[in-house]
Amino acid sequence: MEVLVHAFAKMGGRIKFAEIVPRQRPMRRQFMEDFSLDVQRDAQGEYFLLSRAPKSTTEFIVLDVQPKARHLLLLSRKGGDKHRFLLGHDERHWFVAGVPETAAVSRVRDAMQALKPEGVLQSERKIRSKDRDRRSNRARIRQGEWFFVPMRDLRVPALLILRDEPLVRSRGGKPHVCEQLFRFGGETVYVSPGAASGLTEAEYRILTDAERKRWNWQVMRRDPKVYVRGRVRHVDHQTVTLVGWHQVLSNTEDQSYAMRNIVFLD
């Protein structure tokens, strides 16, 4: 564990260790079956918490540390089962992101690329490599887990523009609020605390009356196409101002096993 402590300190962060106690209250980020990674806070500020089951045999290996960027790539290994996590500091807070298993990366920079959706990768084809890690470049703007790609030819009827609309993902959390938003497509789902990723119409209809009454349900669209312009606000990030319409794309951590239950709900 001393190796991890040293690596996290090199990044500029702290790590603590705990044991997963049966029936304990679930953590905000319960990643895997025998361990979890989370960001917590104490009197000294934020820190990473690595919790393990009592009989866990999972190994943890730091693949890369970038002190200047304040990022670290962590590998968990249990037999032939391997998962990678990008940990770092983004504007005001530390974060943990699961990297898709299809990307067998070994460097922080490669992990950052693996977390970009295809639409962003395509938009950055003519961007210099050194500029692709920036929060903003000519091809797109990033705010947290969301990317905004310019759509210069998009025209939206004024009556279809929504004001002060939130962007959310199924894991919950604080919404990103968009000054102007236009959406279409996607799948209608019924969302509740007991079905955070949403139930389709058919799944909702087979519920008993008691199951429906147990929760407050909200009708939303799963994985719609969303475009925004104007200011996008979030309490943990600097406000970005989008001139013209931009397509909203989420990072790819939902493709990792650790974060497989994340979906885009709007």
Protein backbone atom coordinates (compact mmCIF):
# COMPACT_ATOMS: atom_id res chain seq x y z
CA MET A 1 0.00 0.00 0.00
CA GLU A 2 2.97 2.32 0.54
CA VAL A 3 3.59 2.31 -3.21
CA LEU A 4 0.06 3.60 -3.79
CA VAL A 5 0.43 6.27 -1.10
CA HIS A 6 3.65 7.50 -2.72
CA ALA A 7 2.15 7.52 -6.23
CA PHE A 8 -0.95 9.44 -5.12
CA ALA A 9 1.24 11.93 -3.27
CA LYS A 10 3.29 12.41 -6.45
CA MET A 11 0.03 13.31 -8.20
CA GLY A 12 -0.76 15.77 -5.42
CA GLY A 13 -3.52 13.71 -3.82
CA ARG A 14 -4.12 11.48 -0.81
CA ILE A 15 -5.39 7.91 -0.56
CA LYS A 16 -6.90 6.07 2.40
CA PHE A 17 -7.85 2.43 2.78
CA ALA A 18 -10.88 0.75 4.33
CA GLU A 19 -12.63 -2.59 4.51
CA ILE A 20 -16.00 -3.22 2.88
CA VAL A 21 -18.23 -4.33 5.74
CA PRO A 22 -21.23 -6.52 4.84
CA ARG A 23 -24.50 -4.57 4.81
CA GLN A 24 -22.73 -1.25 5.10
CA ARG A 25 -24.38 1.67 3.38
CA PRO A 26 -23.49 1.57 -0.34
CA MET A 27 -20.84 4.02 -1.47
CA ARG A 28 -21.46 6.54 -4.20
CA ARG A 29 -19.15 4.61 -6.51
CA GLN A 30 -19.36 0.88 -5.83
CA PHE A 31 -17.31 -0.19 -8.81
CA MET A 32 -16.56 -3.87 -8.54
CA GLU A 33 -17.59 -6.96 -6.57
CA ASP A 34 -14.71 -6.95 -4.08
CA PHE A 35 -13.48 -3.35 -4.03
CA SER A 36 -14.61 0.21 -4.58
CA LEU A 37 -12.99 3.52 -5.40
CA ASP A 38 -14.48 6.78 -4.24
CA VAL A 39 -13.69 10.40 -3.49
CA GLN A 40 -14.42 11.43 0.09
CA ARG A 41 -13.73 14.50 2.24
CA ASP A 42 -12.24 15.01 5.70
CA ALA A 43 -10.91 17.99 7.66
CA GLN A 44 -7.94 18.26 5.27
CA GLY A 45 -10.06 18.21 2.13
CA GLU A 46 -10.79 15.60 -0.53
CA TYR A 47 -9.07 12.23 -0.70
CA PHE A 48 -9.42 8.92 -2.55
CA LEU A 49 -10.84 5.99 -0.59
CA LEU A 50 -9.99 2.44 -1.68
CA SER A 51 -12.24 -0.06 0.09
CA ARG A 52 -11.70 -3.82 -0.21
CA ALA A 53 -13.63 -6.88 0.81
CA PRO A 54 -11.92 -8.83 3.65
CA LYS A 55 -10.88 -11.70 1.36
CA SER A 56 -10.13 -9.62 -1.72
CA THR A 57 -7.13 -10.79 -3.74
CA THR A 58 -7.25 -7.93 -6.22
CA GLU A 59 -3.88 -6.26 -6.90
CA PHE A 60 -3.52 -2.54 -7.66
CA ILE A 61 -0.76 -1.24 -9.92
CA VAL A 62 -0.05 2.37 -10.84
CA LEU A 63 0.70 2.39 -14.56
CA ASP A 64 1.42 6.09 -15.01
CA VAL A 65 1.53 9.31 -12.98
CA GLN A 66 1.52 12.79 -14.48
CA PRO A 67 2.21 15.26 -11.64
CA LYS A 68 1.84 18.38 -13.77
CA ALA A 69 -1.58 17.30 -15.05
CA ARG A 70 -2.46 15.83 -11.62
CA HIS A 71 -3.61 12.56 -13.19
CA LEU A 72 -2.89 8.91 -12.48
CA LEU A 73 -3.74 5.65 -14.26
CA LEU A 74 -4.53 2.73 -11.94
CA LEU A 75 -4.83 -0.94 -12.90
CA SER A 76 -6.79 -3.48 -10.85
CA ARG A 77 -5.86 -7.11 -11.50
CA LYS A 78 -7.41 -10.32 -10.24
CA GLY A 79 -6.16 -13.31 -12.19
CA GLY A 80 -6.80 -12.52 -15.83
CA ASP A 81 -9.46 -9.93 -14.97
CA LYS A 82 -8.06 -6.41 -15.48
CA HIS A 83 -9.67 -2.98 -15.21
CA ARG A 84 -8.22 0.50 -15.56
CA PHE A 85 -9.23 3.72 -13.85
CA LEU A 86 -8.23 7.27 -14.60
CA LEU A 87 -7.96 9.31 -11.41
CA GLY A 88 -7.19 12.99 -11.30
CA HIS A 89 -8.13 16.58 -10.59
CA ASP A 90 -10.54 18.46 -12.83
CA GLU A 91 -10.85 22.20 -12.16
CA ARG A 92 -12.03 22.05 -8.53
CA HIS A 93 -12.37 18.41 -7.46
CA TRP A 94 -10.77 14.97 -7.68
CA PHE A 95 -12.51 12.36 -9.82
CA VAL A 96 -12.49 8.66 -10.70
CA ALA A 97 -13.41 7.40 -14.19
CA GLY A 98 -13.58 3.81 -15.41
CA VAL A 99 -11.72 3.29 -18.71
CA PRO A 100 -13.38 0.97 -21.28
CA GLU A 101 -11.80 -2.48 -21.19
CA THR A 102 -11.48 -2.45 -24.99
CA ALA A 103 -8.74 0.16 -24.55
CA ALA A 104 -5.71 -1.61 -23.05
CA VAL A 105 -3.97 1.67 -22.26
CA SER A 106 -0.85 2.13 -20.12
CA ARG A 107 -0.48 5.94 -20.12
CA VAL A 108 -2.62 8.76 -18.76
CA ARG A 109 -2.75 10.47 -22.16
CA ASP A 110 -4.02 7.30 -23.85
CA ALA A 111 -6.67 6.85 -21.15
CA MET A 112 -7.88 10.40 -21.74
CA GLN A 113 -8.22 9.61 -25.44
CA ALA A 114 -10.06 6.36 -24.67
CA LEU A 115 -12.64 8.31 -22.66
CA LYS A 116 -13.53 10.45 -25.67
CA PRO A 117 -16.58 9.35 -27.72
CA GLU A 118 -16.19 8.71 -31.43
CA GLY A 119 -17.77 12.04 -32.37
CA VAL A 120 -15.09 13.90 -30.43
CA LEU A 121 -12.26 11.80 -31.88
CA GLN A 122 -13.52 12.56 -35.37
CA SER A 123 -13.78 16.27 -34.66
CA GLU A 124 -10.18 16.33 -33.36
CA ARG A 125 -8.57 14.65 -36.37
CA LYS A 126 -7.00 17.93 -37.52
CA ILE A 127 -6.11 19.13 -34.02
CA ARG A 128 -2.45 18.97 -32.98
CA SER A 129 -1.73 16.15 -30.54
CA LYS A 130 -0.56 18.50 -27.78
CA ASP A 131 -3.88 20.39 -27.93
CA ARG A 132 -6.12 17.33 -27.65
CA ASP A 133 -5.72 17.13 -23.86
CA ARG A 134 -6.91 20.68 -23.34
CA ARG A 135 -10.28 21.36 -21.79
CA SER A 136 -11.12 23.42 -24.86
CA ASN A 137 -9.77 23.42 -28.42
CA ARG A 138 -11.04 24.34 -31.88
CA ALA A 139 -12.85 20.99 -32.24
CA ARG A 140 -14.81 20.86 -28.96
CA ILE A 141 -15.25 22.10 -25.40
CA ARG A 142 -15.35 19.83 -22.35
CA GLN A 143 -17.09 20.38 -19.03
CA GLY A 144 -16.71 17.41 -16.69
CA GLU A 145 -17.95 14.27 -18.43
CA TRP A 146 -19.67 16.20 -21.24
CA PHE A 147 -18.19 17.25 -24.58
CA PHE A 148 -19.70 19.96 -26.79
CA VAL A 149 -18.93 19.70 -30.52
CA PRO A 150 -19.83 22.66 -32.82
CA MET A 151 -22.64 22.06 -35.31
CA ARG A 152 -22.31 25.18 -37.43
CA ASP A 153 -25.04 24.31 -39.94
CA LEU A 154 -27.71 23.32 -37.42
CA ARG A 155 -30.90 25.40 -37.45
CA VAL A 156 -33.49 24.91 -34.70
CA PRO A 157 -37.06 26.31 -34.75
CA ALA A 158 -37.50 28.77 -31.91
CA LEU A 159 -40.56 26.94 -30.55
CA LEU A 160 -38.51 23.78 -29.94
CA ILE A 161 -35.82 25.47 -27.84
CA LEU A 162 -35.98 24.66 -24.12
CA ARG A 163 -34.59 27.00 -21.48
CA ASP A 164 -32.44 26.19 -18.44
CA GLU A 165 -32.57 22.43 -19.06
CA PRO A 166 -30.42 19.94 -17.07
CA LEU A 167 -28.02 17.33 -18.43
CA VAL A 168 -27.97 14.22 -16.22
CA ARG A 169 -26.73 10.65 -16.21
CA SER A 170 -28.40 7.74 -14.48
CA ARG A 171 -25.96 7.69 -11.60
CA GLY A 172 -27.46 10.99 -10.48
CA GLY A 173 -25.27 13.77 -9.23
CA LYS A 174 -25.38 17.49 -9.84
CA PRO A 175 -26.85 18.48 -13.22
CA HIS A 176 -25.21 20.66 -15.82
CA VAL A 177 -27.77 23.37 -16.62
CA CYS A 178 -27.99 24.56 -20.24
CA GLU A 179 -29.27 28.00 -21.15
CA GLN A 180 -30.78 26.73 -24.42
CA LEU A 181 -31.32 23.08 -25.38
CA PHE A 182 -32.88 21.14 -28.26
CA ARG A 183 -33.45 17.39 -28.18
CA PHE A 184 -34.96 14.70 -30.40
CA GLY A 185 -34.99 10.92 -30.74
CA GLY A 186 -34.03 8.48 -28.04
CA GLU A 187 -36.16 5.95 -26.21
CA THR A 188 -38.95 6.78 -23.76
CA VAL A 189 -38.23 5.32 -20.31
CA TYR A 190 -39.72 5.49 -16.82
CA VAL A 191 -37.14 6.52 -14.21
CA SER A 192 -37.30 6.23 -10.42
CA PRO A 193 -34.87 5.71 -7.52
CA GLY A 194 -35.50 1.98 -7.95
CA ALA A 195 -34.82 2.08 -11.72
CA ALA A 196 -32.12 4.70 -12.15
CA SER A 197 -31.36 3.67 -15.75
CA GLY A 198 -35.04 3.65 -16.66
CA LEU A 199 -37.60 1.03 -17.71
CA THR A 200 -38.99 0.79 -21.20
CA GLU A 201 -42.72 1.09 -21.77
CA ALA A 202 -43.04 -2.70 -21.92
CA GLU A 203 -41.01 -3.19 -18.73
CA TYR A 204 -43.03 -0.56 -16.89
CA ARG A 205 -46.38 -2.11 -17.92
CA ILE A 206 -45.57 -5.51 -16.42
CA LEU A 207 -44.96 -4.01 -12.97
CA THR A 208 -47.62 -4.62 -10.37
CA ASP A 209 -49.61 -1.70 -8.97
CA ALA A 210 -47.70 -2.05 -5.71
CA GLU A 211 -44.35 -1.83 -7.53
CA ARG A 212 -45.45 1.29 -9.40
CA LYS A 213 -46.72 2.99 -6.24
CA ARG A 214 -43.51 2.25 -4.37
CA TRP A 215 -41.61 4.98 -6.27
CA ASN A 216 -42.25 8.34 -7.87
CA TRP A 217 -41.73 7.86 -11.59
CA GLN A 218 -40.51 10.37 -14.17
CA VAL A 219 -40.87 9.95 -17.93
CA MET A 220 -37.57 10.70 -19.68
CA ARG A 221 -35.72 10.00 -22.92
CA ARG A 222 -32.78 7.58 -22.89
CA ASP A 223 -29.84 8.39 -25.18
CA PRO A 224 -31.49 11.20 -27.16
CA LYS A 225 -29.64 13.52 -29.54
CA VAL A 226 -29.11 16.76 -27.66
CA TYR A 227 -27.82 20.14 -28.80
CA VAL A 228 -27.13 23.19 -26.65
CA ARG A 229 -26.00 26.79 -26.97
CA GLY A 230 -25.40 29.68 -24.61
CA ARG A 231 -24.17 29.20 -21.06
CA VAL A 232 -23.74 25.76 -19.48
CA ARG A 233 -23.46 25.99 -15.68
CA HIS A 234 -22.34 23.55 -13.00
CA VAL A 235 -21.42 24.20 -9.39
CA ASP A 236 -18.17 22.20 -9.67
CA HIS A 237 -17.00 23.59 -13.01
CA GLN A 238 -16.39 26.89 -14.68
CA THR A 239 -19.33 28.08 -16.76
CA VAL A 240 -18.78 27.62 -20.49
CA THR A 241 -20.42 29.78 -23.12
CA LEU A 242 -21.22 28.07 -26.41
CA VAL A 243 -21.54 30.36 -29.43
CA GLY A 244 -23.89 28.58 -31.83
CA TRP A 245 -25.35 25.11 -31.49
CA HIS A 246 -23.15 22.27 -30.18
CA GLN A 247 -23.90 18.55 -30.02
CA VAL A 248 -23.70 17.09 -26.52
CA LEU A 249 -21.65 13.90 -26.18
CA SER A 250 -20.86 12.01 -22.99
CA ASN A 251 -17.49 10.42 -22.23
CA THR A 252 -17.15 6.67 -22.68
CA GLU A 253 -16.86 5.54 -19.05
CA ASP A 254 -20.31 3.96 -19.41
CA GLN A 255 -18.59 1.40 -21.66
CA SER A 256 -16.36 0.21 -18.82
CA TYR A 257 -17.45 -2.72 -16.71
CA ALA A 258 -17.16 -0.64 -13.57
CA MET A 259 -19.62 1.98 -14.81
CA ARG A 260 -21.81 -0.24 -16.96
CA ASN A 261 -25.10 1.01 -15.48
CA ILE A 262 -24.61 4.62 -16.59
CA VAL A 263 -26.92 5.90 -19.33
CA PHE A 264 -27.69 9.36 -20.73
CA LEU A 265 -31.13 10.44 -19.56
CA ASP A 266 -32.78 13.66 -20.68
